[in-house]
Amino acid sequence: MMGISIWQLLIILAIVLILFGAKRLRTLGSDLGTAVKGFKNAVQEGEKADAAPEKLEGKEGQTIEGEATREKDKA
């Protein structure tokens, strides 16, 4: 199998620029970058939450480790 050459990439880029325009491509790139950044932040926050479970206090004063949930979250 042969890979894509630089000339083929340039032709594809020219066609995309003609179809969408430079301003719209710039906006699309910016939106995509923002989405990827938000996804990475959410993954990191999820890993932090999994790594350090909250400690809850039981009815008789004992400490319980696990995930804290609200009553309305369960419903």
PDB file of N, CA and C in Angstrom:
ATOM      1  N   MET A   1       0.839  -1.185   0.000  1.00  0.00           N
ATOM      2  CA  MET A   1       0.000   0.000   0.000  1.00  0.00           C
ATOM      3  C   MET A   1       0.880   1.243   0.000  1.00  0.00           C
ATOM      4  N   MET A   2       0.463   2.204  -0.751  1.00  0.00           N
ATOM      5  CA  MET A   2       1.215   3.446  -0.819  1.00  0.00           C
ATOM      6  C   MET A   2       0.510   4.499   0.025  1.00  0.00           C
ATOM      7  N   GLY A   3       1.316   5.345   0.643  1.00  0.00           N
ATOM      8  CA  GLY A   3       0.767   6.419   1.460  1.00  0.00           C
ATOM      9  C   GLY A   3       0.349   7.600   0.605  1.00  0.00           C
ATOM     10  N   ILE A   4      -0.184   8.591   1.256  1.00  0.00           N
ATOM     11  CA  ILE A   4      -0.605   9.806   0.567  1.00  0.00           C
ATOM     12  C   ILE A   4       0.605  10.718   0.430  1.00  0.00           C
ATOM     13  N   SER A   5       0.842  11.194  -0.773  1.00  0.00           N
ATOM     14  CA  SER A   5       1.989  12.076  -1.001  1.00  0.00           C
ATOM     15  C   SER A   5       1.633  13.517  -0.627  1.00  0.00           C
ATOM     16  N   ILE A   6       2.641  14.355  -0.578  1.00  0.00           N
ATOM     17  CA  ILE A   6       2.444  15.761  -0.218  1.00  0.00           C
ATOM     18  C   ILE A   6       1.570  16.475  -1.245  1.00  0.00           C
ATOM     19  N   TRP A   7       1.684  16.097  -2.512  1.00  0.00           N
ATOM     20  CA  TRP A   7       0.879  16.729  -3.563  1.00  0.00           C
ATOM     21  C   TRP A   7      -0.596  16.389  -3.396  1.00  0.00           C
ATOM     22  N   GLN A   8      -0.875  15.164  -3.037  1.00  0.00           N
ATOM     23  CA  GLN A   8      -2.264  14.773  -2.815  1.00  0.00           C
ATOM     24  C   GLN A   8      -2.849  15.524  -1.618  1.00  0.00           C
ATOM     25  N   LEU A   9      -2.052  15.691  -0.563  1.00  0.00           N
ATOM     26  CA  LEU A   9      -2.509  16.459   0.590  1.00  0.00           C
ATOM     27  C   LEU A   9      -2.776  17.920   0.227  1.00  0.00           C
ATOM     28  N   LEU A  10      -1.917  18.503  -0.577  1.00  0.00           N
ATOM     29  CA  LEU A  10      -2.108  19.899  -1.004  1.00  0.00           C
ATOM     30  C   LEU A  10      -3.372  20.057  -1.840  1.00  0.00           C
ATOM     31  N   ILE A  11      -3.646  19.098  -2.704  1.00  0.00           N
ATOM     32  CA  ILE A  11      -4.861  19.157  -3.525  1.00  0.00           C
ATOM     33  C   ILE A  11      -6.097  19.046  -2.635  1.00  0.00           C
ATOM     34  N   ILE A  12      -6.067  18.128  -1.668  1.00  0.00           N
ATOM     35  CA  ILE A  12      -7.202  17.984  -0.746  1.00  0.00           C
ATOM     36  C   ILE A  12      -7.398  19.264   0.057  1.00  0.00           C
ATOM     37  N   LEU A  13      -6.303  19.854   0.533  1.00  0.00           N
ATOM     38  CA  LEU A  13      -6.388  21.109   1.286  1.00  0.00           C
ATOM     39  C   LEU A  13      -6.981  22.226   0.428  1.00  0.00           C
ATOM     40  N   ALA A  14      -6.572  22.317  -0.834  1.00  0.00           N
ATOM     41  CA  ALA A  14      -7.104  23.351  -1.728  1.00  0.00           C
ATOM     42  C   ALA A  14      -8.607  23.168  -1.936  1.00  0.00           C
ATOM     43  N   ILE A  15      -9.055  21.933  -2.112  1.00  0.00           N
ATOM     44  CA  ILE A  15     -10.483  21.669  -2.308  1.00  0.00           C
ATOM     45  C   ILE A  15     -11.266  22.038  -1.058  1.00  0.00           C
ATOM     46  N   VAL A  16     -10.745  21.682   0.119  1.00  0.00           N
ATOM     47  CA  VAL A  16     -11.426  22.004   1.378  1.00  0.00           C
ATOM     48  C   VAL A  16     -11.496  23.525   1.564  1.00  0.00           C
ATOM     49  N   LEU A  17     -10.410  24.229   1.243  1.00  0.00           N
ATOM     50  CA  LEU A  17     -10.418  25.694   1.353  1.00  0.00           C
ATOM     51  C   LEU A  17     -11.452  26.317   0.421  1.00  0.00           C
ATOM     52  N   ILE A  18     -11.573  25.773  -0.784  1.00  0.00           N
ATOM     53  CA  ILE A  18     -12.550  26.302  -1.735  1.00  0.00           C
ATOM     54  C   ILE A  18     -13.974  26.051  -1.228  1.00  0.00           C
ATOM     55  N   LEU A  19     -14.221  24.855  -0.689  1.00  0.00           N
ATOM     56  CA  LEU A  19     -15.566  24.512  -0.238  1.00  0.00           C
ATOM     57  C   LEU A  19     -15.981  25.278   1.014  1.00  0.00           C
ATOM     58  N   PHE A  20     -15.105  25.378   1.997  1.00  0.00           N
ATOM     59  CA  PHE A  20     -15.482  25.955   3.287  1.00  0.00           C
ATOM     60  C   PHE A  20     -15.005  27.382   3.505  1.00  0.00           C
ATOM     61  N   GLY A  21     -13.909  27.772   2.914  1.00  0.00           N
ATOM     62  CA  GLY A  21     -13.361  29.100   3.139  1.00  0.00           C
ATOM     63  C   GLY A  21     -12.438  29.114   4.349  1.00  0.00           C
ATOM     64  N   ALA A  22     -11.457  30.008   4.342  1.00  0.00           N
ATOM     65  CA  ALA A  22     -10.437  30.045   5.391  1.00  0.00           C
ATOM     66  C   ALA A  22     -11.031  30.443   6.743  1.00  0.00           C
ATOM     67  N   LYS A  23     -11.971  31.387   6.751  1.00  0.00           N
ATOM     68  CA  LYS A  23     -12.536  31.848   8.022  1.00  0.00           C
ATOM     69  C   LYS A  23     -13.316  30.733   8.711  1.00  0.00           C
ATOM     70  N   ARG A  24     -14.092  30.000   7.952  1.00  0.00           N
ATOM     71  CA  ARG A  24     -14.891  28.914   8.544  1.00  0.00           C
ATOM     72  C   ARG A  24     -13.984  27.785   9.026  1.00  0.00           C
ATOM     73  N   LEU A  25     -12.910  27.496   8.308  1.00  0.00           N
ATOM     74  CA  LEU A  25     -11.969  26.464   8.745  1.00  0.00           C
ATOM     75  C   LEU A  25     -11.280  26.873  10.044  1.00  0.00           C
ATOM     76  N   ARG A  26     -10.934  28.148  10.165  1.00  0.00           N
ATOM     77  CA  ARG A  26     -10.296  28.648  11.377  1.00  0.00           C
ATOM     78  C   ARG A  26     -11.248  28.491  12.563  1.00  0.00           C
ATOM     79  N   THR A  27     -12.510  28.808  12.354  1.00  0.00           N
ATOM     80  CA  THR A  27     -13.516  28.664  13.399  1.00  0.00           C
ATOM     81  C   THR A  27     -13.699  27.197  13.779  1.00  0.00           C
ATOM     82  N   LEU A  28     -13.744  26.324  12.780  1.00  0.00           N
ATOM     83  CA  LEU A  28     -13.874  24.892  13.048  1.00  0.00           C
ATOM     84  C   LEU A  28     -12.687  24.376  13.852  1.00  0.00           C
ATOM     85  N   GLY A  29     -11.486  24.806  13.487  1.00  0.00           N
ATOM     86  CA  GLY A  29     -10.286  24.386  14.210  1.00  0.00           C
ATOM     87  C   GLY A  29     -10.294  24.861  15.650  1.00  0.00           C
ATOM     88  N   SER A  30     -10.731  26.080  15.861  1.00  0.00           N
ATOM     89  CA  SER A  30     -10.807  26.637  17.210  1.00  0.00           C
ATOM     90  C   SER A  30     -11.831  25.877  18.047  1.00  0.00           C
ATOM     91  N   ASP A  31     -12.993  25.597  17.469  1.00  0.00           N
ATOM     92  CA  ASP A  31     -14.030  24.852  18.182  1.00  0.00           C
ATOM     93  C   ASP A  31     -13.573  23.439  18.510  1.00  0.00           C
ATOM     94  N   LEU A  32     -12.879  22.812  17.581  1.00  0.00           N
ATOM     95  CA  LEU A  32     -12.373  21.457  17.814  1.00  0.00           C
ATOM     96  C   LEU A  32     -11.334  21.459  18.927  1.00  0.00           C
ATOM     97  N   GLY A  33     -10.451  22.438  18.939  1.00  0.00           N
ATOM     98  CA  GLY A  33      -9.447  22.549  19.995  1.00  0.00           C
ATOM     99  C   GLY A  33     -10.078  22.756  21.362  1.00  0.00           C
ATOM    100  N   THR A  34     -11.105  23.583  21.425  1.00  0.00           N
ATOM    101  CA  THR A  34     -11.806  23.824  22.677  1.00  0.00           C
ATOM    102  C   THR A  34     -12.497  22.544  23.172  1.00  0.00           C
ATOM    103  N   ALA A  35     -13.082  21.800  22.242  1.00  0.00           N
ATOM    104  CA  ALA A  35     -13.758  20.556  22.616  1.00  0.00           C
ATOM    105  C   ALA A  35     -12.763  19.523  23.141  1.00  0.00           C
ATOM    106  N   VAL A  36     -11.614  19.403  22.504  1.00  0.00           N
ATOM    107  CA  VAL A  36     -10.600  18.445  22.950  1.00  0.00           C
ATOM    108  C   VAL A  36     -10.074  18.842  24.324  1.00  0.00           C
ATOM    109  N   LYS A  37      -9.846  20.134  24.532  1.00  0.00           N
ATOM    110  CA  LYS A  37      -9.361  20.621  25.826  1.00  0.00           C
ATOM    111  C   LYS A  37     -10.379  20.337  26.931  1.00  0.00           C
ATOM    112  N   GLY A  38     -11.652  20.573  26.656  1.00  0.00           N
ATOM    113  CA  GLY A  38     -12.701  20.285  27.626  1.00  0.00           C
ATOM    114  C   GLY A  38     -12.795  18.799  27.940  1.00  0.00           C
ATOM    115  N   PHE A  39     -12.624  17.964  26.920  1.00  0.00           N
ATOM    116  CA  PHE A  39     -12.662  16.519  27.131  1.00  0.00           C
ATOM    117  C   PHE A  39     -11.501  16.066  28.008  1.00  0.00           C
ATOM    118  N   LYS A  40     -10.310  16.590  27.753  1.00  0.00           N
ATOM    119  CA  LYS A  40      -9.149  16.228  28.570  1.00  0.00           C
ATOM    120  C   LYS A  40      -9.342  16.654  30.023  1.00  0.00           C
ATOM    121  N   ASN A  41      -9.884  17.853  30.235  1.00  0.00           N
ATOM    122  CA  ASN A  41     -10.139  18.327  31.602  1.00  0.00           C
ATOM    123  C   ASN A  41     -11.154  17.433  32.308  1.00  0.00           C
ATOM    124  N   ALA A  42     -12.195  17.019  31.594  1.00  0.00           N
ATOM    125  CA  ALA A  42     -13.206  16.149  32.201  1.00  0.00           C
ATOM    126  C   ALA A  42     -12.613  14.792  32.565  1.00  0.00           C
ATOM    127  N   VAL A  43     -11.750  14.265  31.715  1.00  0.00           N
ATOM    128  CA  VAL A  43     -11.114  12.975  32.008  1.00  0.00           C
ATOM    129  C   VAL A  43     -10.221  13.101  33.238  1.00  0.00           C
ATOM    130  N   GLN A  44      -9.449  14.185  33.334  1.00  0.00           N
ATOM    131  CA  GLN A  44      -8.573  14.386  34.488  1.00  0.00           C
ATOM    132  C   GLN A  44      -9.385  14.542  35.771  1.00  0.00           C
ATOM    133  N   GLU A  45     -10.485  15.261  35.726  1.00  0.00           N
ATOM    134  CA  GLU A  45     -11.334  15.432  36.907  1.00  0.00           C
ATOM    135  C   GLU A  45     -11.951  14.095  37.312  1.00  0.00           C
ATOM    136  N   GLY A  46     -12.326  13.283  36.342  1.00  0.00           N
ATOM    137  CA  GLY A  46     -12.875  11.970  36.637  1.00  0.00           C
ATOM    138  C   GLY A  46     -11.848  11.061  37.279  1.00  0.00           C
ATOM    139  N   GLU A  47     -10.604  11.131  36.810  1.00  0.00           N
ATOM    140  CA  GLU A  47      -9.543  10.322  37.411  1.00  0.00           C
ATOM    141  C   GLU A  47      -9.254  10.766  38.835  1.00  0.00           C
ATOM    142  N   LYS A  48      -9.293  12.075  39.088  1.00  0.00           N
ATOM    143  CA  LYS A  48      -9.065  12.586  40.441  1.00  0.00           C
ATOM    144  C   LYS A  48     -10.178  12.128  41.373  1.00  0.00           C
ATOM    145  N   ALA A  49     -11.412  12.132  40.890  1.00  0.00           N
ATOM    146  CA  ALA A  49     -12.547  11.714  41.713  1.00  0.00           C
ATOM    147  C   ALA A  49     -12.458  10.221  42.026  1.00  0.00           C
ATOM    148  N   ASP A  50     -11.995   9.415  41.076  1.00  0.00           N
ATOM    149  CA  ASP A  50     -11.857   7.982  41.304  1.00  0.00           C
ATOM    150  C   ASP A  50     -10.696   7.675  42.239  1.00  0.00           C
ATOM    151  N   ALA A  51      -9.642   8.469  42.189  1.00  0.00           N
ATOM    152  CA  ALA A  51      -8.448   8.212  42.989  1.00  0.00           C
ATOM    153  C   ALA A  51      -8.660   8.557  44.460  1.00  0.00           C
ATOM    154  N   ALA A  52      -9.470   9.553  44.757  1.00  0.00           N
ATOM    155  CA  ALA A  52      -9.664   9.989  46.147  1.00  0.00           C
ATOM    156  C   ALA A  52     -11.145   9.977  46.502  1.00  0.00           C
ATOM    157  N   PRO A  53     -11.678   8.813  46.898  1.00  0.00           N
ATOM    158  CA  PRO A  53     -13.094   8.788  47.277  1.00  0.00           C
ATOM    159  C   PRO A  53     -13.323   9.579  48.562  1.00  0.00           C
ATOM    160  N   GLU A  54     -14.482  10.174  48.657  1.00  0.00           N
ATOM    161  CA  GLU A  54     -14.806  10.987  49.828  1.00  0.00           C
ATOM    162  C   GLU A  54     -15.102  10.092  51.025  1.00  0.00           C
ATOM    163  N   LYS A  55     -14.782  10.592  52.192  1.00  0.00           N
ATOM    164  CA  LYS A  55     -15.078   9.850  53.419  1.00  0.00           C
ATOM    165  C   LYS A  55     -16.393  10.371  53.988  1.00  0.00           C
ATOM    166  N   LEU A  56     -17.268   9.450  54.320  1.00  0.00           N
ATOM    167  CA  LEU A  56     -18.563   9.794  54.880  1.00  0.00           C
ATOM    168  C   LEU A  56     -18.630   9.303  56.317  1.00  0.00           C
ATOM    169  N   GLU A  57     -19.427   9.953  57.099  1.00  0.00           N
ATOM    170  CA  GLU A  57     -19.589   9.518  58.480  1.00  0.00           C
ATOM    171  C   GLU A  57     -20.880   8.729  58.601  1.00  0.00           C
ATOM    172  N   GLY A  58     -20.792   7.552  59.185  1.00  0.00           N
ATOM    173  CA  GLY A  58     -21.946   6.674  59.346  1.00  0.00           C
ATOM    174  C   GLY A  58     -22.847   7.159  60.465  1.00  0.00           C
ATOM    175  N   LYS A  59     -23.937   6.426  60.686  1.00  0.00           N
ATOM    176  CA  LYS A  59     -24.920   6.808  61.701  1.00  0.00           C
ATOM    177  C   LYS A  59     -24.349   6.709  63.113  1.00  0.00           C
ATOM    178  N   GLU A  60     -23.453   5.766  63.340  1.00  0.00           N
ATOM    179  CA  GLU A  60     -22.916   5.569  64.684  1.00  0.00           C
ATOM    180  C   GLU A  60     -21.536   6.198  64.860  1.00  0.00           C
ATOM    181  N   GLY A  61     -21.136   7.078  63.944  1.00  0.00           N
ATOM    182  CA  GLY A  61     -19.872   7.770  64.086  1.00  0.00           C
ATOM    183  C   GLY A  61     -18.708   7.097  63.382  1.00  0.00           C
ATOM    184  N   GLN A  62     -18.915   5.935  62.745  1.00  0.00           N
ATOM    185  CA  GLN A  62     -17.805   5.294  62.042  1.00  0.00           C
ATOM    186  C   GLN A  62     -17.588   5.974  60.697  1.00  0.00           C
ATOM    187  N   THR A  63     -16.378   5.889  60.191  1.00  0.00           N
ATOM    188  CA  THR A  63     -16.028   6.487  58.921  1.00  0.00           C
ATOM    189  C   THR A  63     -16.256   5.466  57.809  1.00  0.00           C
ATOM    190  N   ILE A  64     -16.915   5.894  56.750  1.00  0.00           N
ATOM    191  CA  ILE A  64     -17.215   5.037  55.614  1.00  0.00           C
ATOM    192  C   ILE A  64     -16.541   5.653  54.400  1.00  0.00           C
ATOM    193  N   GLU A  65     -15.768   4.841  53.662  1.00  0.00           N
ATOM    194  CA  GLU A  65     -15.152   5.343  52.437  1.00  0.00           C
ATOM    195  C   GLU A  65     -15.987   4.906  51.252  1.00  0.00           C
ATOM    196  N   GLY A  66     -16.117   5.798  50.285  1.00  0.00           N
ATOM    197  CA  GLY A  66     -16.879   5.476  49.086  1.00  0.00           C
ATOM    198  C   GLY A  66     -17.287   6.742  48.377  1.00  0.00           C
ATOM    199  N   GLU A  67     -18.188   6.591  47.437  1.00  0.00           N
ATOM    200  CA  GLU A  67     -18.649   7.740  46.673  1.00  0.00           C
ATOM    201  C   GLU A  67     -19.807   8.405  47.405  1.00  0.00           C
ATOM    202  N   ALA A  68     -19.763   9.719  47.438  1.00  0.00           N
ATOM    203  CA  ALA A  68     -20.840  10.470  48.064  1.00  0.00           C
ATOM    204  C   ALA A  68     -21.901  10.753  47.009  1.00  0.00           C
ATOM    205  N   THR A  69     -23.144  10.418  47.306  1.00  0.00           N
ATOM    206  CA  THR A  69     -24.238  10.723  46.393  1.00  0.00           C
ATOM    207  C   THR A  69     -25.344  11.398  47.171  1.00  0.00           C
ATOM    208  N   ARG A  70     -26.072  12.241  46.495  1.00  0.00           N
ATOM    209  CA  ARG A  70     -27.208  12.913  47.110  1.00  0.00           C
ATOM    210  C   ARG A  70     -28.444  12.057  46.918  1.00  0.00           C
ATOM    211  N   GLU A  71     -29.409  12.264  47.762  1.00  0.00           N
ATOM    212  CA  GLU A  71     -30.652  11.484  47.669  1.00  0.00           C
ATOM    213  C   GLU A  71     -31.344  11.745  46.336  1.00  0.00           C
ATOM    214  N   LYS A  72     -31.350  13.004  45.869  1.00  0.00           N
ATOM    215  CA  LYS A  72     -32.043  13.280  44.620  1.00  0.00           C
ATOM    216  C   LYS A  72     -31.279  12.742  43.405  1.00  0.00           C
ATOM    217  N   ASP A  73     -29.938  12.477  43.523  1.00  0.00           N
ATOM    218  CA  ASP A  73     -29.180  11.874  42.447  1.00  0.00           C
ATOM    219  C   ASP A  73     -29.571  10.411  42.261  1.00  0.00           C
ATOM    220  N   LYS A  74     -29.985   9.761  43.353  1.00  0.00           N
ATOM    221  CA  LYS A  74     -30.364   8.348  43.287  1.00  0.00           C
ATOM    222  C   LYS A  74     -31.685   8.164  42.571  1.00  0.00           C
ATOM    223  N   ALA A  75     -32.574   9.154  42.652  1.00  0.00           N
ATOM    224  CA  ALA A  75     -33.922   9.028  42.088  1.00  0.00           C
ATOM    225  C   ALA A  75     -33.928   9.119  40.594  1.00  0.00           C
TER     226      ALA A  75
END
